PDB file of N, CA and C in Angstrom:
ATOM      1  N   MET A   1       1.082   2.451  14.564  1.00  0.00           N
ATOM      2  CA  MET A   1       1.528   2.698  13.206  1.00  0.00           C
ATOM      3  C   MET A   1       0.702   3.714  12.442  1.00  0.00           C
ATOM      4  N   ALA A   2       0.878   4.470  11.589  1.00  0.00           N
ATOM      5  CA  ALA A   2       0.034   5.794  11.059  1.00  0.00           C
ATOM      6  C   ALA A   2       0.793   5.525   9.773  1.00  0.00           C
ATOM      7  N   ASP A   3      -0.098   5.798   8.577  1.00  0.00           N
ATOM      8  CA  ASP A   3       0.020   6.135   7.024  1.00  0.00           C
ATOM      9  C   ASP A   3      -0.052   7.646   7.217  1.00  0.00           C
ATOM     10  N   VAL A   4       1.339   8.088   6.618  1.00  0.00           N
ATOM     11  CA  VAL A   4       2.002   9.994   6.791  1.00  0.00           C
ATOM     12  C   VAL A   4       1.777   9.792   4.849  1.00  0.00           C
ATOM     13  N   ARG A   5       1.318  11.081   4.625  1.00  0.00           N
ATOM     14  CA  ARG A   5       2.026  11.450   2.712  1.00  0.00           C
ATOM     15  C   ARG A   5       3.122  12.266   3.474  1.00  0.00           C
ATOM     16  N   VAL A   6       4.205  12.023   2.642  1.00  0.00           N
ATOM     17  CA  VAL A   6       5.471  12.557   3.313  1.00  0.00           C
ATOM     18  C   VAL A   6       5.828  13.123   1.597  1.00  0.00           C
ATOM     19  N   ARG A   7       6.316  14.358   1.852  1.00  0.00           N
ATOM     20  CA  ARG A   7       6.282  15.143   0.404  1.00  0.00           C
ATOM     21  C   ARG A   7       8.119  15.397   0.702  1.00  0.00           C
ATOM     22  N   TYR A   8       8.726  15.543  -0.274  1.00  0.00           N
ATOM     23  CA  TYR A   8      10.211  16.003  -0.581  1.00  0.00           C
ATOM     24  C   TYR A   8      10.381  17.233  -1.364  1.00  0.00           C
ATOM     25  N   PHE A   9      11.300  17.865  -0.736  1.00  0.00           N
ATOM     26  CA  PHE A   9      11.408  19.309  -1.500  1.00  0.00           C
ATOM     27  C   PHE A   9      13.259  19.439  -1.466  1.00  0.00           C
ATOM     28  N   ALA A  10      13.470  19.926  -2.897  1.00  0.00           N
ATOM     29  CA  ALA A  10      14.901  20.173  -3.213  1.00  0.00           C
ATOM     30  C   ALA A  10      15.837  18.807  -3.125  1.00  0.00           C
ATOM     31  N   ALA A  11      16.669  19.102  -1.939  1.00  0.00           N
ATOM     32  CA  ALA A  11      17.778  17.833  -1.926  1.00  0.00           C
ATOM     33  C   ALA A  11      17.195  16.479  -1.066  1.00  0.00           C
ATOM     34  N   ALA A  12      15.839  17.021  -0.446  1.00  0.00           N
ATOM     35  CA  ALA A  12      15.350  15.675   0.617  1.00  0.00           C
ATOM     36  C   ALA A  12      14.777  15.031  -0.909  1.00  0.00           C
ATOM     37  N   ALA A  13      14.086  15.314  -1.862  1.00  0.00           N
ATOM     38  CA  ALA A  13      13.750  14.767  -3.086  1.00  0.00           C
ATOM     39  C   ALA A  13      14.988  13.846  -3.885  1.00  0.00           C
ATOM     40  N   ASP A  14      16.017  14.793  -3.933  1.00  0.00           N
ATOM     41  CA  ASP A  14      17.280  13.989  -4.593  1.00  0.00           C
ATOM     42  C   ASP A  14      17.476  12.659  -3.579  1.00  0.00           C
ATOM     43  N   ALA A  15      17.307  12.803  -2.266  1.00  0.00           N
ATOM     44  CA  ALA A  15      18.065  12.027  -1.377  1.00  0.00           C
ATOM     45  C   ALA A  15      16.646  10.492  -1.807  1.00  0.00           C
ATOM     46  N   ALA A  16      15.888  11.030  -1.895  1.00  0.00           N
ATOM     47  CA  ALA A  16      14.817   9.928  -1.550  1.00  0.00           C
ATOM     48  C   ALA A  16      14.510   9.367  -2.851  1.00  0.00           C
ATOM     49  N   GLY A  17      14.936  10.536  -4.084  1.00  0.00           N
ATOM     50  CA  GLY A  17      14.412  10.023  -5.692  1.00  0.00           C
ATOM     51  C   GLY A  17      13.212   9.974  -5.937  1.00  0.00           C
ATOM     52  N   ARG A  18      12.362  10.824  -5.232  1.00  0.00           N
ATOM     53  CA  ARG A  18      11.119  10.800  -5.308  1.00  0.00           C
ATOM     54  C   ARG A  18      10.037  12.503  -4.775  1.00  0.00           C
ATOM     55  N   VAL A  19       9.187  12.725  -5.240  1.00  0.00           N
ATOM     56  CA  VAL A  19       8.810  14.235  -4.500  1.00  0.00           C
ATOM     57  C   VAL A  19       7.782  13.478  -3.533  1.00  0.00           C
ATOM     58  N   ASP A  20       7.323  12.528  -3.215  1.00  0.00           N
ATOM     59  CA  ASP A  20       6.184  12.279  -2.105  1.00  0.00           C
ATOM     60  C   ASP A  20       6.103  10.504  -2.373  1.00  0.00           C
ATOM     61  N   GLU A  21       5.390  10.090  -1.385  1.00  0.00           N
ATOM     62  CA  GLU A  21       5.161   8.807  -0.667  1.00  0.00           C
ATOM     63  C   GLU A  21       4.162   8.683   0.272  1.00  0.00           C
ATOM     64  N   THR A  22       3.503   7.757   0.061  1.00  0.00           N
ATOM     65  CA  THR A  22       2.927   7.480   1.826  1.00  0.00           C
ATOM     66  C   THR A  22       3.748   6.234   2.844  1.00  0.00           C
ATOM     67  N   LEU A  23       3.922   6.469   3.921  1.00  0.00           N
ATOM     68  CA  LEU A  23       4.642   5.673   4.428  1.00  0.00           C
ATOM     69  C   LEU A  23       4.179   5.634   5.740  1.00  0.00           C
ATOM     70  N   SER A  24       4.115   3.941   6.088  1.00  0.00           N
ATOM     71  CA  SER A  24       3.461   3.213   7.611  1.00  0.00           C
ATOM     72  C   SER A  24       4.802   3.822   8.676  1.00  0.00           C
ATOM     73  N   VAL A  25       4.756   4.600   9.615  1.00  0.00           N
ATOM     74  CA  VAL A  25       5.701   4.731  10.250  1.00  0.00           C
ATOM     75  C   VAL A  25       5.130   4.283  11.261  1.00  0.00           C
ATOM     76  N   PRO A  26       6.189   3.604  12.026  1.00  0.00           N
ATOM     77  CA  PRO A  26       5.911   2.760  13.665  1.00  0.00           C
ATOM     78  C   PRO A  26       6.251   3.741  14.512  1.00  0.00           C
ATOM     79  N   GLY A  27       5.277   3.775  15.760  1.00  0.00           N
ATOM     80  CA  GLY A  27       5.440   4.658  16.877  1.00  0.00           C
ATOM     81  C   GLY A  27       4.521   6.127  16.175  1.00  0.00           C
ATOM     82  N   ALA A  28       4.489   6.255  15.017  1.00  0.00           N
ATOM     83  CA  ALA A  28       4.024   7.843  14.483  1.00  0.00           C
ATOM     84  C   ALA A  28       4.436   9.201  15.198  1.00  0.00           C
ATOM     85  N   THR A  29       5.594   9.056  15.507  1.00  0.00           N
ATOM     86  CA  THR A  29       6.412  10.400  15.838  1.00  0.00           C
ATOM     87  C   THR A  29       7.444  11.143  15.002  1.00  0.00           C
ATOM     88  N   VAL A  30       7.525  12.141  15.053  1.00  0.00           N
ATOM     89  CA  VAL A  30       8.783  12.624  13.935  1.00  0.00           C
ATOM     90  C   VAL A  30      10.077  11.889  14.486  1.00  0.00           C
ATOM     91  N   GLY A  31      10.066  11.768  15.318  1.00  0.00           N
ATOM     92  CA  GLY A  31      11.736  10.755  15.729  1.00  0.00           C
ATOM     93  C   GLY A  31      11.628   9.564  14.499  1.00  0.00           C
ATOM     94  N   ASP A  32      10.569   8.999  14.862  1.00  0.00           N
ATOM     95  CA  ASP A  32      10.068   7.357  14.129  1.00  0.00           C
ATOM     96  C   ASP A  32      10.199   7.769  12.690  1.00  0.00           C
ATOM     97  N   LEU A  33       9.748   8.886  12.481  1.00  0.00           N
ATOM     98  CA  LEU A  33      10.087   9.477  10.789  1.00  0.00           C
ATOM     99  C   LEU A  33      11.511   9.188  10.490  1.00  0.00           C
ATOM    100  N   ARG A  34      12.135   9.990  11.086  1.00  0.00           N
ATOM    101  CA  ARG A  34      13.760  10.563  10.872  1.00  0.00           C
ATOM    102  C   ARG A  34      14.363   9.080  10.337  1.00  0.00           C
ATOM    103  N   GLU A  35      14.119   8.614  11.742  1.00  0.00           N
ATOM    104  CA  GLU A  35      14.523   6.884  11.458  1.00  0.00           C
ATOM    105  C   GLU A  35      14.406   6.404  10.886  1.00  0.00           C
ATOM    106  N   LEU A  36      13.133   6.180  10.185  1.00  0.00           N
ATOM    107  CA  LEU A  36      12.772   5.485   9.036  1.00  0.00           C
ATOM    108  C   LEU A  36      13.143   5.761   7.755  1.00  0.00           C
ATOM    109  N   LEU A  37      13.317   7.413   7.639  1.00  0.00           N
ATOM    110  CA  LEU A  37      14.112   7.883   6.500  1.00  0.00           C
ATOM    111  C   LEU A  37      15.423   7.561   6.130  1.00  0.00           C
ATOM    112  N   VAL A  38      15.868   7.831   7.019  1.00  0.00           N
ATOM    113  CA  VAL A  38      17.568   7.332   7.269  1.00  0.00           C
ATOM    114  C   VAL A  38      17.858   6.099   6.940  1.00  0.00           C
ATOM    115  N   ASN A  39      16.907   5.066   7.475  1.00  0.00           N
ATOM    116  CA  ASN A  39      17.022   3.650   7.423  1.00  0.00           C
ATOM    117  C   ASN A  39      16.676   3.211   6.004  1.00  0.00           C
ATOM    118  N   ARG A  40      15.762   4.052   5.138  1.00  0.00           N
ATOM    119  CA  ARG A  40      15.572   3.603   4.012  1.00  0.00           C
ATOM    120  C   ARG A  40      16.442   4.442   2.677  1.00  0.00           C
ATOM    121  N   TYR A  41      16.517   5.664   3.035  1.00  0.00           N
ATOM    122  CA  TYR A  41      17.267   6.057   1.809  1.00  0.00           C
ATOM    123  C   TYR A  41      18.643   6.835   2.439  1.00  0.00           C
ATOM    124  N   GLY A  42      19.474   5.966   3.461  1.00  0.00           N
ATOM    125  CA  GLY A  42      20.772   6.096   3.655  1.00  0.00           C
ATOM    126  C   GLY A  42      21.472   7.706   3.942  1.00  0.00           C
ATOM    127  N   GLU A  43      22.689   8.006   4.021  1.00  0.00           N
ATOM    128  CA  GLU A  43      23.854   9.038   4.566  1.00  0.00           C
ATOM    129  C   GLU A  43      22.857   9.858   3.623  1.00  0.00           C
ATOM    130  N   SER A  44      22.501   9.839   2.452  1.00  0.00           N
ATOM    131  CA  SER A  44      22.086  11.231   1.855  1.00  0.00           C
ATOM    132  C   SER A  44      20.988  11.789   2.553  1.00  0.00           C
ATOM    133  N   MET A  45      19.911  11.136   2.908  1.00  0.00           N
ATOM    134  CA  MET A  45      18.927  11.613   3.917  1.00  0.00           C
ATOM    135  C   MET A  45      19.124  11.976   5.229  1.00  0.00           C
ATOM    136  N   ALA A  46      20.323  11.391   5.853  1.00  0.00           N
ATOM    137  CA  ALA A  46      20.769  11.780   6.790  1.00  0.00           C
ATOM    138  C   ALA A  46      21.643  13.359   6.967  1.00  0.00           C
ATOM    139  N   ARG A  47      21.827  13.486   5.746  1.00  0.00           N
ATOM    140  CA  ARG A  47      22.650  14.811   5.855  1.00  0.00           C
ATOM    141  C   ARG A  47      21.611  16.118   5.867  1.00  0.00           C
ATOM    142  N   VAL A  48      20.731  16.017   4.783  1.00  0.00           N
ATOM    143  CA  VAL A  48      19.419  16.540   4.593  1.00  0.00           C
ATOM    144  C   VAL A  48      18.613  16.693   6.242  1.00  0.00           C
ATOM    145  N   LEU A  49      18.439  15.756   6.606  1.00  0.00           N
ATOM    146  CA  LEU A  49      17.762  15.699   8.011  1.00  0.00           C
ATOM    147  C   LEU A  49      18.498  16.482   9.205  1.00  0.00           C
ATOM    148  N   ARG A  50      20.183  16.150   8.949  1.00  0.00           N
ATOM    149  CA  ARG A  50      20.902  16.676   9.988  1.00  0.00           C
ATOM    150  C   ARG A  50      20.530  18.315   9.998  1.00  0.00           C
ATOM    151  N   SER A  51      20.350  19.156   9.060  1.00  0.00           N
ATOM    152  CA  SER A  51      20.451  20.582   8.791  1.00  0.00           C
ATOM    153  C   SER A  51      19.145  21.377   8.464  1.00  0.00           C
ATOM    154  N   GLY A  52      18.171  20.181   7.716  1.00  0.00           N
ATOM    155  CA  GLY A  52      16.854  20.357   7.583  1.00  0.00           C
ATOM    156  C   GLY A  52      15.647  20.288   8.407  1.00  0.00           C
ATOM    157  N   SER A  53      14.603  20.411   8.496  1.00  0.00           N
ATOM    158  CA  SER A  53      13.310  20.682   8.618  1.00  0.00           C
ATOM    159  C   SER A  53      12.315  19.607   8.360  1.00  0.00           C
ATOM    160  N   ILE A  54      11.301  19.059   9.369  1.00  0.00           N
ATOM    161  CA  ILE A  54      10.329  18.295   9.159  1.00  0.00           C
ATOM    162  C   ILE A  54       8.916  19.252   9.589  1.00  0.00           C
ATOM    163  N   LEU A  55       8.453  19.215   8.809  1.00  0.00           N
ATOM    164  CA  LEU A  55       6.996  20.289   8.663  1.00  0.00           C
ATOM    165  C   LEU A  55       5.850  19.181   8.911  1.00  0.00           C
ATOM    166  N   VAL A  56       5.307  19.446  10.295  1.00  0.00           N
ATOM    167  CA  VAL A  56       4.026  18.207  10.545  1.00  0.00           C
ATOM    168  C   VAL A  56       2.472  18.833  10.188  1.00  0.00           C
ATOM    169  N   ASP A  57       1.864  18.614   9.434  1.00  0.00           N
ATOM    170  CA  ASP A  57       0.531  19.380   8.948  1.00  0.00           C
ATOM    171  C   ASP A  57       1.230  20.906   9.182  1.00  0.00           C
ATOM    172  N   GLY A  58       2.044  21.523   8.308  1.00  0.00           N
ATOM    173  CA  GLY A  58       2.556  22.763   8.162  1.00  0.00           C
ATOM    174  C   GLY A  58       3.458  23.287   9.017  1.00  0.00           C
ATOM    175  N   VAL A  59       3.624  23.041  10.194  1.00  0.00           N
ATOM    176  CA  VAL A  59       4.116  23.576  11.431  1.00  0.00           C
ATOM    177  C   VAL A  59       5.443  22.405  11.598  1.00  0.00           C
ATOM    178  N   VAL A  60       6.433  23.607  11.538  1.00  0.00           N
ATOM    179  CA  VAL A  60       7.866  22.939  11.880  1.00  0.00           C
ATOM    180  C   VAL A  60       8.123  22.619  13.383  1.00  0.00           C
ATOM    181  N   SER A  61       8.452  21.035  13.035  1.00  0.00           N
ATOM    182  CA  SER A  61       8.805  20.669  14.289  1.00  0.00           C
ATOM    183  C   SER A  61      10.318  19.744  14.556  1.00  0.00           C
ATOM    184  N   ARG A  62      10.877  20.477  15.637  1.00  0.00           N
ATOM    185  CA  ARG A  62      12.467  19.805  15.545  1.00  0.00           C
ATOM    186  C   ARG A  62      12.234  18.571  16.955  1.00  0.00           C
ATOM    187  N   ASP A  63      10.792  18.553  17.606  1.00  0.00           N
ATOM    188  CA  ASP A  63      10.656  17.592  18.767  1.00  0.00           C
ATOM    189  C   ASP A  63      10.361  15.851  18.019  1.00  0.00           C
ATOM    190  N   PRO A  64      11.247  15.571  18.553  1.00  0.00           N
ATOM    191  CA  PRO A  64      11.199  13.944  18.020  1.00  0.00           C
ATOM    192  C   PRO A  64      10.046  13.391  18.846  1.00  0.00           C
ATOM    193  N   GLU A  65       9.620  13.868  19.875  1.00  0.00           N
ATOM    194  CA  GLU A  65       8.368  13.105  20.472  1.00  0.00           C
ATOM    195  C   GLU A  65       7.044  13.598  19.944  1.00  0.00           C
ATOM    196  N   ARG A  66       7.169  14.426  19.061  1.00  0.00           N
ATOM    197  CA  ARG A  66       5.883  14.696  18.392  1.00  0.00           C
ATOM    198  C   ARG A  66       5.078  13.824  17.185  1.00  0.00           C
ATOM    199  N   THR A  67       3.701  13.750  17.770  1.00  0.00           N
ATOM    200  CA  THR A  67       2.975  12.998  17.389  1.00  0.00           C
ATOM    201  C   THR A  67       3.033  13.511  15.761  1.00  0.00           C
ATOM    202  N   LEU A  68       2.936  12.642  14.571  1.00  0.00           N
ATOM    203  CA  LEU A  68       2.641  12.939  13.405  1.00  0.00           C
ATOM    204  C   LEU A  68       1.346  12.926  13.288  1.00  0.00           C
ATOM    205  N   GLY A  69       0.943  14.267  12.083  1.00  0.00           N
ATOM    206  CA  GLY A  69      -0.515  13.825  11.476  1.00  0.00           C
ATOM    207  C   GLY A  69      -0.797  13.332   9.984  1.00  0.00           C
ATOM    208  N   THR A  70      -1.232  13.757   9.190  1.00  0.00           N
ATOM    209  CA  THR A  70      -1.496  13.012   8.102  1.00  0.00           C
ATOM    210  C   THR A  70      -0.776  13.496   6.921  1.00  0.00           C
ATOM    211  N   GLY A  71       0.327  14.472   7.332  1.00  0.00           N
ATOM    212  CA  GLY A  71       0.996  14.579   6.267  1.00  0.00           C
ATOM    213  C   GLY A  71       2.565  15.128   6.862  1.00  0.00           C
ATOM    214  N   ALA A  72       3.530  15.245   6.141  1.00  0.00           N
ATOM    215  CA  ALA A  72       4.763  15.674   6.990  1.00  0.00           C
ATOM    216  C   ALA A  72       5.728  16.219   5.540  1.00  0.00           C
ATOM    217  N   ASP A  73       6.473  16.836   5.795  1.00  0.00           N
ATOM    218  CA  ASP A  73       7.141  17.806   4.250  1.00  0.00           C
ATOM    219  C   ASP A  73       8.442  17.611   5.077  1.00  0.00           C
ATOM    220  N   VAL A  74       9.200  17.231   4.513  1.00  0.00           N
ATOM    221  CA  VAL A  74      10.725  17.260   4.799  1.00  0.00           C
ATOM    222  C   VAL A  74      11.404  18.247   3.483  1.00  0.00           C
ATOM    223  N   LEU A  75      12.006  18.932   4.410  1.00  0.00           N
ATOM    224  CA  LEU A  75      12.768  20.464   3.865  1.00  0.00           C
ATOM    225  C   LEU A  75      14.203  20.308   3.660  1.00  0.00           C
ATOM    226  N   PRO A  76      15.311  20.669   3.291  1.00  0.00           N
ATOM    227  CA  PRO A  76      16.590  20.756   3.616  1.00  0.00           C
ATOM    228  C   PRO A  76      16.903  22.108   3.917  1.00  0.00           C
ATOM    229  N   ARG A  77      17.568  22.123   4.571  1.00  0.00           N
ATOM    230  CA  ARG A  77      17.977  23.980   4.715  1.00  0.00           C
ATOM    231  C   ARG A  77      18.449  24.679   3.766  1.00  0.00           C
ATOM    232  N   PHE A  78      17.561  25.901   3.816  1.00  0.00           N
ATOM    233  CA  PHE A  78      17.752  26.967   2.722  1.00  0.00           C
ATOM    234  C   PHE A  78      18.226  27.931   3.467  1.00  0.00           C
ATOM    235  N   SER A  79      18.825  28.350   2.340  1.00  0.00           N
ATOM    236  CA  SER A  79      19.898  29.776   2.407  1.00  0.00           C
ATOM    237  C   SER A  79      19.464  31.007   1.472  1.00  0.00           C
ATOM    238  N   GLY A  80      19.658  31.730   1.884  1.00  0.00           N
ATOM    239  CA  GLY A  80      19.091  32.749   0.992  1.00  0.00           C
ATOM    240  C   GLY A  80      20.482  34.152   0.747  1.00  0.00           C
ATOM    241  N   GLY A  81      20.092  35.147   0.142  1.00  0.00           N
ATOM    242  CA  GLY A  81      20.995  36.168  -0.212  1.00  0.00           C
ATOM    243  C   GLY A  81      20.289  37.290  -0.537  1.00  0.00           C
TER     244      GLY A  81
END
């Protein structure tokens, strides 16, 4: 289990109802964090995670087996124009 500072941006912050928090993540992988967030915040967070990204110590990771560092950022899909 690892304590990870999780920061939420835009729609992820809306889904979580906060901009950051520290979570104890069993297993300490990106997949474990995703599962914890969906269980904690429900379908609105699941929607964000389906198309968004998790940055682990500043690097995008879609590998569910990647080990978490001390920080993770949850970002919704961004579109530009």
